[in-house]
Amino acid sequence: MVTPLAGITVVELAHNVAGPFAGQVLADLGAEVVKIEKPGGDDARTWGPPFVDGGGPSFVAVNRGKRSAVCELRDAAQRGALVRYIVARADVVLQAMRPGQVEALGLDAAALRARKPSLVYCNMGAFGARGPLAARPGYDALMQAFAGIMSVTGEEGRPPVRVGPSLVDMGSSLWAVIGILAALGRRRDTGEGAVVDVSLFETAAAWMGPYAVQYLASGEVPKRGGSGRVEIVPYQAYPAADGDFVIGAANDALFRKLCGALGHPEWAEDPRFRSNADRVKSHGALDALIEAETRKRSRAEWGAALEAAGVPCAPVQNVRELLEHEQLRALGMLQAVPGSSVPLIGLPISFDGERPAPRSGPPALGEYTDKVLAA
């Protein structure tokens, strides 16, 4: 079994998605992750129906491989036991509590690292560690709105929409893991821990990097592009006879191949479409021409034809189609998990060809409480 973080103990003070997903990644990599929950448990346990293995889908999807300990942090005795456990056992503390809470409870980085300088302490905040909004709480949907992601998602003239997956939460989780791993690497050489700060807002702003450059270069505020990218044409979903599929003809050579596959090689010589810049300016006319052709055949037929022509394309699949696709199965991404009644999507990374295997399903609430409070 691949366990590069074996021997590392992580204490997770987090709920919902962002903090727990970071904890799950560390657990999948072999760390022992102790999830500290309030007496009622992580809020995500109640996010349903459906419910499976002790919680809603969001809880089950981001909490495998952990141990759960219930701790009433407002109780001085229980909080003291948790601090002693951290000082004695923890290599990493990962916290995503509301701004100011860990400081009020004496569970902040300064207080804990004063007692254990080798501790790596990761703060996952909403708006960041400083600035006028630092004390505000935040959630994924709020950050998709505030950072402008919603302004470029969906179709122009329609109401704003949120990207379906918790893109900001889970992206922040990955930055947290990167920071923690880097800090552990430095600790190995120096013996000193570190304070790692990540936030939902910083992650959301980072996703907007290309749009920021677009605005700074042109002075024009980017608009919603539907399924496409406003600076690349054709690069979007088109209707087939039985559903939608995406064409990615992202350069002139691919566009010429696409024109041939669609039965209209003359389009490549049309002055309106000769270069990507021309196609961006004339995208309405080009999209109408392409759509008139794509409607004539099925997704599978177009997939075969475009693949043969060397044009990247993909059907717009639903979750069932994703889970049943042979590519997902060939990679072994859907993994059986000991103690879980459903298989789960595994860690999207392999070491020497081997994907880390989850060691257990999501924990029962409070199953590890006695071990922590015994400290």
Protein backbone atom coordinates (compact mmCIF):
# COMPACT_ATOMS: atom_id res chain seq x y z
CA MET A 1 0.00 0.00 0.00
CA VAL A 2 1.25 3.50 -0.88
CA THR A 3 1.58 5.49 2.38
CA PRO A 4 4.16 8.28 1.95
CA LEU A 5 2.79 10.13 5.02
CA ALA A 6 2.82 7.11 7.35
CA GLY A 7 3.81 8.24 10.84
CA ILE A 8 2.34 11.74 10.42
CA THR A 9 -0.57 12.63 12.70
CA VAL A 10 -3.00 15.37 11.67
CA VAL A 11 -5.64 16.97 13.91
CA GLU A 12 -8.49 18.35 11.82
CA LEU A 13 -10.55 21.19 13.29
CA ALA A 14 -12.88 21.64 10.34
CA HIS A 15 -16.30 20.80 8.97
CA ASN A 16 -18.30 20.99 5.73
CA VAL A 17 -16.02 20.48 2.68
CA ALA A 18 -12.82 22.55 2.44
CA GLY A 19 -10.98 21.44 5.58
CA PRO A 20 -12.26 17.86 5.53
CA PHE A 21 -11.24 17.31 1.90
CA ALA A 22 -7.69 18.42 2.73
CA GLY A 23 -7.74 16.04 5.68
CA GLN A 24 -8.94 13.20 3.47
CA VAL A 25 -6.13 13.75 0.97
CA LEU A 26 -3.61 13.54 3.81
CA ALA A 27 -5.34 10.41 5.13
CA ASP A 28 -5.26 8.76 1.70
CA LEU A 29 -1.52 9.50 1.62
CA GLY A 30 -1.08 7.55 4.84
CA ALA A 31 -1.38 10.11 7.63
CA GLU A 32 -3.44 9.40 10.73
CA VAL A 33 -6.12 12.08 10.67
CA VAL A 34 -8.11 12.72 13.83
CA LYS A 35 -11.27 14.67 13.04
CA ILE A 36 -12.47 16.78 15.97
CA GLU A 37 -16.25 17.17 15.86
CA LYS A 38 -18.74 19.09 17.96
CA PRO A 39 -21.25 16.97 19.94
CA GLY A 40 -23.76 17.07 17.08
CA GLY A 41 -21.09 16.19 14.52
CA ASP A 42 -19.92 17.83 11.32
CA ASP A 43 -22.81 19.75 9.72
CA ALA A 44 -22.23 17.84 6.48
CA ARG A 45 -23.40 14.65 8.20
CA THR A 46 -26.93 16.10 7.89
CA TRP A 47 -26.68 17.34 4.28
CA GLY A 48 -29.16 15.05 2.55
CA PRO A 49 -31.03 12.97 1.61
CA PRO A 50 -29.72 10.62 0.45
CA PHE A 51 -27.79 9.42 3.50
CA VAL A 52 -25.20 6.66 3.46
CA ASP A 53 -22.67 5.37 5.99
CA GLY A 54 -23.55 7.92 8.65
CA GLY A 55 -23.90 11.07 6.60
CA GLY A 56 -24.91 12.91 3.47
CA PRO A 57 -23.02 12.52 0.18
CA SER A 58 -20.72 15.50 0.84
CA PHE A 59 -19.68 14.09 4.22
CA VAL A 60 -19.06 10.60 2.88
CA ALA A 61 -17.09 11.91 -0.10
CA VAL A 62 -14.53 13.91 1.94
CA ASN A 63 -14.08 12.10 5.26
CA ARG A 64 -12.85 8.57 4.56
CA GLY A 65 -9.85 7.17 6.37
CA LYS A 66 -10.20 9.34 9.48
CA ARG A 67 -10.92 8.87 13.17
CA SER A 68 -13.65 10.95 14.80
CA ALA A 69 -13.38 12.41 18.28
CA VAL A 70 -16.15 14.49 19.85
CA CYS A 71 -14.84 17.43 21.84
CA GLU A 72 -16.84 20.27 23.34
CA LEU A 73 -14.32 23.04 22.76
CA ARG A 74 -16.12 25.41 25.15
CA ASP A 75 -15.48 22.95 27.96
CA ALA A 76 -12.11 23.83 29.52
CA ALA A 77 -11.32 20.26 30.58
CA GLN A 78 -12.02 18.76 27.16
CA ARG A 79 -10.20 21.59 25.42
CA GLY A 80 -7.22 21.10 27.69
CA ALA A 81 -7.16 17.39 26.87
CA LEU A 82 -7.19 18.23 23.16
CA VAL A 83 -4.27 20.63 23.58
CA ARG A 84 -2.29 17.96 25.43
CA TYR A 85 -3.07 15.46 22.67
CA ILE A 86 -1.87 17.92 20.01
CA VAL A 87 1.36 18.66 21.89
CA ALA A 88 2.04 14.98 22.50
CA ARG A 89 0.98 13.47 19.18
CA ALA A 90 0.25 15.91 16.37
CA ASP A 91 2.54 16.87 13.52
CA VAL A 92 -0.09 18.99 11.79
CA VAL A 93 -3.14 20.97 12.88
CA LEU A 94 -5.57 21.84 10.10
CA GLN A 95 -8.22 24.35 11.13
CA ALA A 96 -11.08 25.91 9.19
CA MET A 97 -13.20 27.34 12.00
CA ARG A 98 -14.94 30.70 11.90
CA PRO A 99 -12.53 33.66 12.04
CA GLY A 100 -11.43 34.40 15.61
CA GLN A 101 -12.65 31.14 17.15
CA VAL A 102 -9.32 29.36 17.54
CA GLU A 103 -7.77 32.50 19.06
CA ALA A 104 -10.61 32.80 21.58
CA LEU A 105 -10.16 29.15 22.53
CA GLY A 106 -6.38 29.19 22.75
CA LEU A 107 -6.12 26.75 19.85
CA ASP A 108 -4.44 29.15 17.44
CA ALA A 109 -1.03 28.70 15.86
CA ALA A 110 0.78 31.08 18.22
CA ALA A 111 -0.53 29.34 21.34
CA LEU A 112 0.12 25.80 20.14
CA ARG A 113 3.47 26.42 18.48
CA ALA A 114 4.70 28.14 21.62
CA ARG A 115 4.36 24.73 23.26
CA LYS A 116 5.45 22.72 20.21
CA PRO A 117 7.66 24.66 17.76
CA SER A 118 7.84 21.71 15.36
CA LEU A 119 4.08 21.85 14.74
CA VAL A 120 2.86 22.63 11.22
CA TYR A 121 -0.31 24.67 11.60
CA CYS A 122 -2.55 25.35 8.60
CA ASN A 123 -5.26 28.03 8.67
CA MET A 124 -8.00 27.69 6.07
CA GLY A 125 -9.83 30.99 6.13
CA ALA A 126 -12.58 32.59 4.11
CA PHE A 127 -11.20 35.97 2.99
CA GLY A 128 -7.58 35.56 4.07
CA ALA A 129 -5.38 36.33 7.04
CA ARG A 130 -5.51 40.13 6.76
CA GLY A 131 -7.43 42.94 5.10
CA PRO A 132 -10.81 44.58 5.75
CA LEU A 133 -12.76 41.34 5.24
CA ALA A 134 -10.47 39.02 7.18
CA ALA A 135 -12.98 38.54 10.01
CA ARG A 136 -15.86 37.55 7.73
CA PRO A 137 -16.96 33.93 7.29
CA GLY A 138 -17.52 32.57 3.82
CA TYR A 139 -18.66 29.59 1.78
CA ASP A 140 -17.94 28.23 -1.68
CA ALA A 141 -20.93 29.86 -3.38
CA LEU A 142 -20.15 33.24 -1.80
CA MET A 143 -16.59 33.10 -3.09
CA GLN A 144 -17.67 32.08 -6.58
CA ALA A 145 -19.76 35.23 -6.54
CA PHE A 146 -17.30 37.58 -4.86
CA ALA A 147 -14.24 36.61 -6.92
CA GLY A 148 -16.09 36.87 -10.23
CA ILE A 149 -16.36 33.18 -11.13
CA MET A 150 -20.13 33.50 -11.48
CA SER A 151 -19.66 36.50 -13.78
CA VAL A 152 -17.99 34.29 -16.39
CA THR A 153 -19.99 31.10 -15.81
CA GLY A 154 -23.18 30.31 -17.69
CA GLU A 155 -24.67 32.09 -20.69
CA GLU A 156 -24.74 35.81 -21.36
CA GLY A 157 -28.13 37.36 -20.60
CA ARG A 158 -29.07 34.57 -18.19
CA PRO A 159 -28.98 34.62 -14.35
CA PRO A 160 -25.63 33.84 -12.71
CA VAL A 161 -24.94 30.19 -11.98
CA ARG A 162 -22.56 28.42 -9.63
CA VAL A 163 -20.06 25.88 -10.90
CA GLY A 164 -21.58 22.57 -9.75
CA PRO A 165 -18.68 21.00 -7.81
CA SER A 166 -17.38 22.88 -4.76
CA LEU A 167 -14.56 24.23 -6.87
CA VAL A 168 -13.36 26.84 -4.39
CA ASP A 169 -13.62 24.61 -1.32
CA MET A 170 -11.82 21.69 -2.90
CA GLY A 171 -9.26 23.91 -4.62
CA SER A 172 -8.45 25.53 -1.27
CA SER A 173 -8.03 22.03 0.16
CA LEU A 174 -5.36 21.26 -2.40
CA TRP A 175 -3.47 24.47 -1.66
CA ALA A 176 -3.62 23.55 2.02
CA VAL A 177 -2.15 20.12 1.29
CA ILE A 178 0.59 21.64 -0.88
CA GLY A 179 1.47 24.09 1.88
CA ILE A 180 1.45 21.40 4.56
CA LEU A 181 3.66 19.08 2.52
CA ALA A 182 6.11 21.90 1.80
CA ALA A 183 6.22 22.81 5.50
CA LEU A 184 6.78 19.18 6.50
CA GLY A 185 9.64 19.02 4.01
CA ARG A 186 11.26 22.09 5.55
CA ARG A 187 10.71 20.70 9.05
CA ARG A 188 12.56 17.55 8.07
CA ASP A 189 15.62 19.69 7.34
CA THR A 190 15.35 22.30 10.10
CA GLY A 191 13.20 20.80 12.86
CA GLU A 192 11.01 23.90 12.76
CA GLY A 193 7.30 23.86 11.98
CA ALA A 194 5.44 26.63 10.18
CA VAL A 195 2.17 28.48 9.85
CA VAL A 196 0.49 27.91 6.50
CA ASP A 197 -2.33 30.25 5.45
CA VAL A 198 -4.77 29.55 2.62
CA SER A 199 -8.23 30.93 1.98
CA LEU A 200 -11.27 30.45 -0.19
CA PHE A 201 -11.00 33.97 -1.58
CA GLU A 202 -7.35 33.59 -2.59
CA THR A 203 -8.14 30.30 -4.31
CA ALA A 204 -11.12 31.77 -6.16
CA ALA A 205 -9.06 34.80 -7.22
CA ALA A 206 -6.31 32.49 -8.51
CA TRP A 207 -8.83 30.62 -10.70
CA MET A 208 -9.64 34.00 -12.29
CA GLY A 209 -6.03 34.61 -13.42
CA PRO A 210 -6.61 34.30 -17.20
CA TYR A 211 -9.69 36.53 -17.01
CA ALA A 212 -7.69 39.12 -15.06
CA VAL A 213 -5.06 39.21 -17.80
CA GLN A 214 -7.80 39.46 -20.42
CA TYR A 215 -9.24 42.52 -18.69
CA LEU A 216 -5.88 44.16 -17.98
CA ALA A 217 -4.81 43.72 -21.60
CA SER A 218 -8.04 44.92 -23.21
CA GLY A 219 -9.88 47.02 -20.66
CA GLU A 220 -12.99 44.98 -21.37
CA VAL A 221 -14.74 43.10 -18.57
CA PRO A 222 -14.99 39.41 -19.56
CA LYS A 223 -18.49 38.07 -20.16
CA ARG A 224 -20.10 34.70 -19.76
CA GLY A 225 -19.07 32.27 -22.46
CA GLY A 226 -21.50 29.42 -21.98
CA SER A 227 -19.62 26.15 -22.46
CA GLY A 228 -16.78 27.84 -24.35
CA ARG A 229 -13.90 30.24 -23.93
CA VAL A 230 -14.32 33.70 -25.39
CA GLU A 231 -10.72 33.79 -26.66
CA ILE A 232 -10.74 30.36 -28.39
CA VAL A 233 -13.17 29.37 -31.19
CA PRO A 234 -14.43 26.72 -31.74
CA TYR A 235 -14.01 25.43 -28.20
CA GLN A 236 -17.42 24.62 -26.72
CA ALA A 237 -20.38 22.24 -26.63
CA TYR A 238 -22.48 21.67 -29.73
CA PRO A 239 -25.74 19.72 -30.08
CA ALA A 240 -25.68 16.26 -31.69
CA ALA A 241 -28.79 14.29 -32.62
CA ASP A 242 -28.90 12.65 -29.17
CA GLY A 243 -27.23 15.10 -26.79
CA ASP A 244 -24.32 17.48 -26.57
CA PHE A 245 -20.60 17.11 -27.11
CA VAL A 246 -17.62 19.44 -26.86
CA ILE A 247 -15.28 20.25 -29.73
CA GLY A 248 -11.82 21.55 -28.88
CA ALA A 249 -10.31 22.87 -32.10
CA ALA A 250 -7.91 25.18 -30.29
CA ASN A 251 -5.57 26.09 -33.16
CA ASP A 252 -5.66 26.66 -36.92
CA ALA A 253 -4.45 23.16 -37.82
CA LEU A 254 -7.18 21.55 -35.72
CA PHE A 255 -9.77 23.87 -37.22
CA ARG A 256 -8.81 22.75 -40.72
CA LYS A 257 -9.19 19.11 -39.65
CA LEU A 258 -12.57 19.91 -38.10
CA CYS A 259 -13.78 21.56 -41.30
CA GLY A 260 -12.83 18.46 -43.25
CA ALA A 261 -14.56 16.13 -40.80
CA LEU A 262 -17.71 18.26 -40.96
CA GLY A 263 -17.68 18.06 -44.76
CA HIS A 264 -16.84 21.73 -45.31
CA PRO A 265 -13.11 22.15 -45.96
CA GLU A 266 -13.88 25.51 -47.59
CA TRP A 267 -14.61 27.04 -44.17
CA ALA A 268 -10.92 26.99 -43.38
CA GLU A 269 -10.28 29.39 -46.26
CA ASP A 270 -13.16 31.74 -45.45
CA PRO A 271 -11.64 35.13 -44.50
CA ARG A 272 -13.94 35.23 -41.47
CA PHE A 273 -12.43 32.02 -40.06
CA ARG A 274 -8.79 31.81 -41.19
CA SER A 275 -7.18 32.53 -37.82
CA ASN A 276 -8.33 32.11 -34.25
CA ALA A 277 -8.60 35.90 -33.92
CA ASP A 278 -10.86 35.94 -37.00
CA ARG A 279 -12.97 33.12 -35.58
CA VAL A 280 -13.34 34.90 -32.23
CA LYS A 281 -14.67 37.97 -34.03
CA SER A 282 -17.04 35.88 -36.17
CA HIS A 283 -17.92 33.21 -33.63
CA GLY A 284 -21.68 33.69 -33.98
CA ALA A 285 -21.66 32.92 -37.69
CA LEU A 286 -19.23 30.00 -37.29
CA ASP A 287 -21.14 28.45 -34.40
CA ALA A 288 -24.35 28.51 -36.44
CA LEU A 289 -22.64 26.73 -39.34
CA ILE A 290 -21.10 24.07 -37.09
CA GLU A 291 -24.34 23.50 -35.19
CA ALA A 292 -26.28 22.94 -38.40
CA GLU A 293 -23.94 20.03 -39.19
CA THR A 294 -23.52 18.52 -35.73
CA ARG A 295 -27.28 18.05 -35.31
CA LYS A 296 -27.28 15.53 -38.16
CA ARG A 297 -25.43 12.72 -36.34
CA SER A 298 -25.21 11.17 -32.88
CA ARG A 299 -22.56 11.87 -30.25
CA ALA A 300 -20.98 8.47 -30.87
CA GLU A 301 -20.84 9.03 -34.63
CA TRP A 302 -19.24 12.43 -34.23
CA GLY A 303 -16.86 11.08 -31.62
CA ALA A 304 -15.64 8.41 -34.04
CA ALA A 305 -15.40 10.83 -36.97
CA LEU A 306 -13.56 13.56 -35.09
CA GLU A 307 -11.22 11.12 -33.39
CA ALA A 308 -10.31 9.69 -36.78
CA ALA A 309 -9.63 13.24 -38.00
CA GLY A 310 -7.50 14.01 -34.96
CA VAL A 311 -9.85 16.63 -33.49
CA PRO A 312 -10.24 16.58 -29.68
CA CYS A 313 -13.84 16.08 -28.60
CA ALA A 314 -15.84 14.62 -25.72
CA PRO A 315 -19.49 13.87 -25.00
CA VAL A 316 -21.18 15.83 -22.21
CA GLN A 317 -21.70 12.94 -19.78
CA ASN A 318 -23.80 12.67 -16.65
CA VAL A 319 -22.59 11.04 -13.43
CA ARG A 320 -23.91 7.61 -14.37
CA GLU A 321 -22.09 7.71 -17.69
CA LEU A 322 -18.90 8.83 -15.95
CA LEU A 323 -18.99 6.02 -13.40
CA GLU A 324 -19.75 3.40 -16.05
CA HIS A 325 -17.10 4.56 -18.52
CA GLU A 326 -14.30 2.12 -19.22
CA GLN A 327 -11.65 4.85 -18.87
CA LEU A 328 -12.57 5.53 -15.24
CA ARG A 329 -12.57 1.79 -14.56
CA ALA A 330 -9.28 1.22 -16.36
CA LEU A 331 -7.62 3.79 -14.11
CA GLY A 332 -9.14 2.21 -11.00
CA MET A 333 -10.47 5.55 -9.78
CA LEU A 334 -13.67 4.08 -8.35
CA GLN A 335 -12.34 2.25 -5.31
CA ALA A 336 -13.92 -0.18 -2.89
CA VAL A 337 -13.45 1.20 0.63
CA PRO A 338 -13.36 -1.05 3.72
CA GLY A 339 -16.39 -0.32 5.89
CA SER A 340 -18.16 1.73 3.20
CA SER A 341 -21.35 0.50 1.55
CA VAL A 342 -20.54 2.35 -1.68
CA PRO A 343 -17.30 2.67 -3.68
CA LEU A 344 -15.72 6.12 -3.68
CA ILE A 345 -13.73 8.20 -6.16
CA GLY A 346 -10.08 7.72 -5.22
CA LEU A 347 -7.17 10.12 -4.94
CA PRO A 348 -6.30 11.41 -8.45
CA ILE A 349 -2.59 10.59 -8.15
CA SER A 350 -0.48 7.44 -8.41
CA PHE A 351 3.01 6.53 -7.20
CA ASP A 352 4.99 4.17 -9.42
CA GLY A 353 1.71 3.21 -11.06
CA GLU A 354 -0.13 2.54 -7.81
CA ARG A 355 -3.02 4.64 -6.56
CA PRO A 356 -3.22 5.07 -2.77
CA ALA A 357 -5.97 2.84 -1.39
CA PRO A 358 -8.43 4.22 1.19
CA ARG A 359 -8.01 2.43 4.50
CA SER A 360 -11.54 2.91 5.83
CA GLY A 361 -14.82 4.66 5.19
CA PRO A 362 -15.99 7.81 6.96
CA PRO A 363 -15.75 7.52 10.75
CA ALA A 364 -18.61 6.95 13.13
CA LEU A 365 -19.22 10.04 15.22
CA GLY A 366 -17.03 10.01 18.32
CA GLU A 367 -15.42 6.62 17.78
CA TYR A 368 -12.00 7.96 18.85
CA THR A 369 -13.12 10.34 21.60
CA ASP A 370 -11.72 8.37 24.51
CA LYS A 371 -8.24 8.25 22.92
CA VAL A 372 -8.12 12.02 22.57
CA LEU A 373 -9.71 13.02 25.87
CA ALA A 374 -7.53 10.53 27.75
CA ALA A 375 -4.68 12.95 27.15
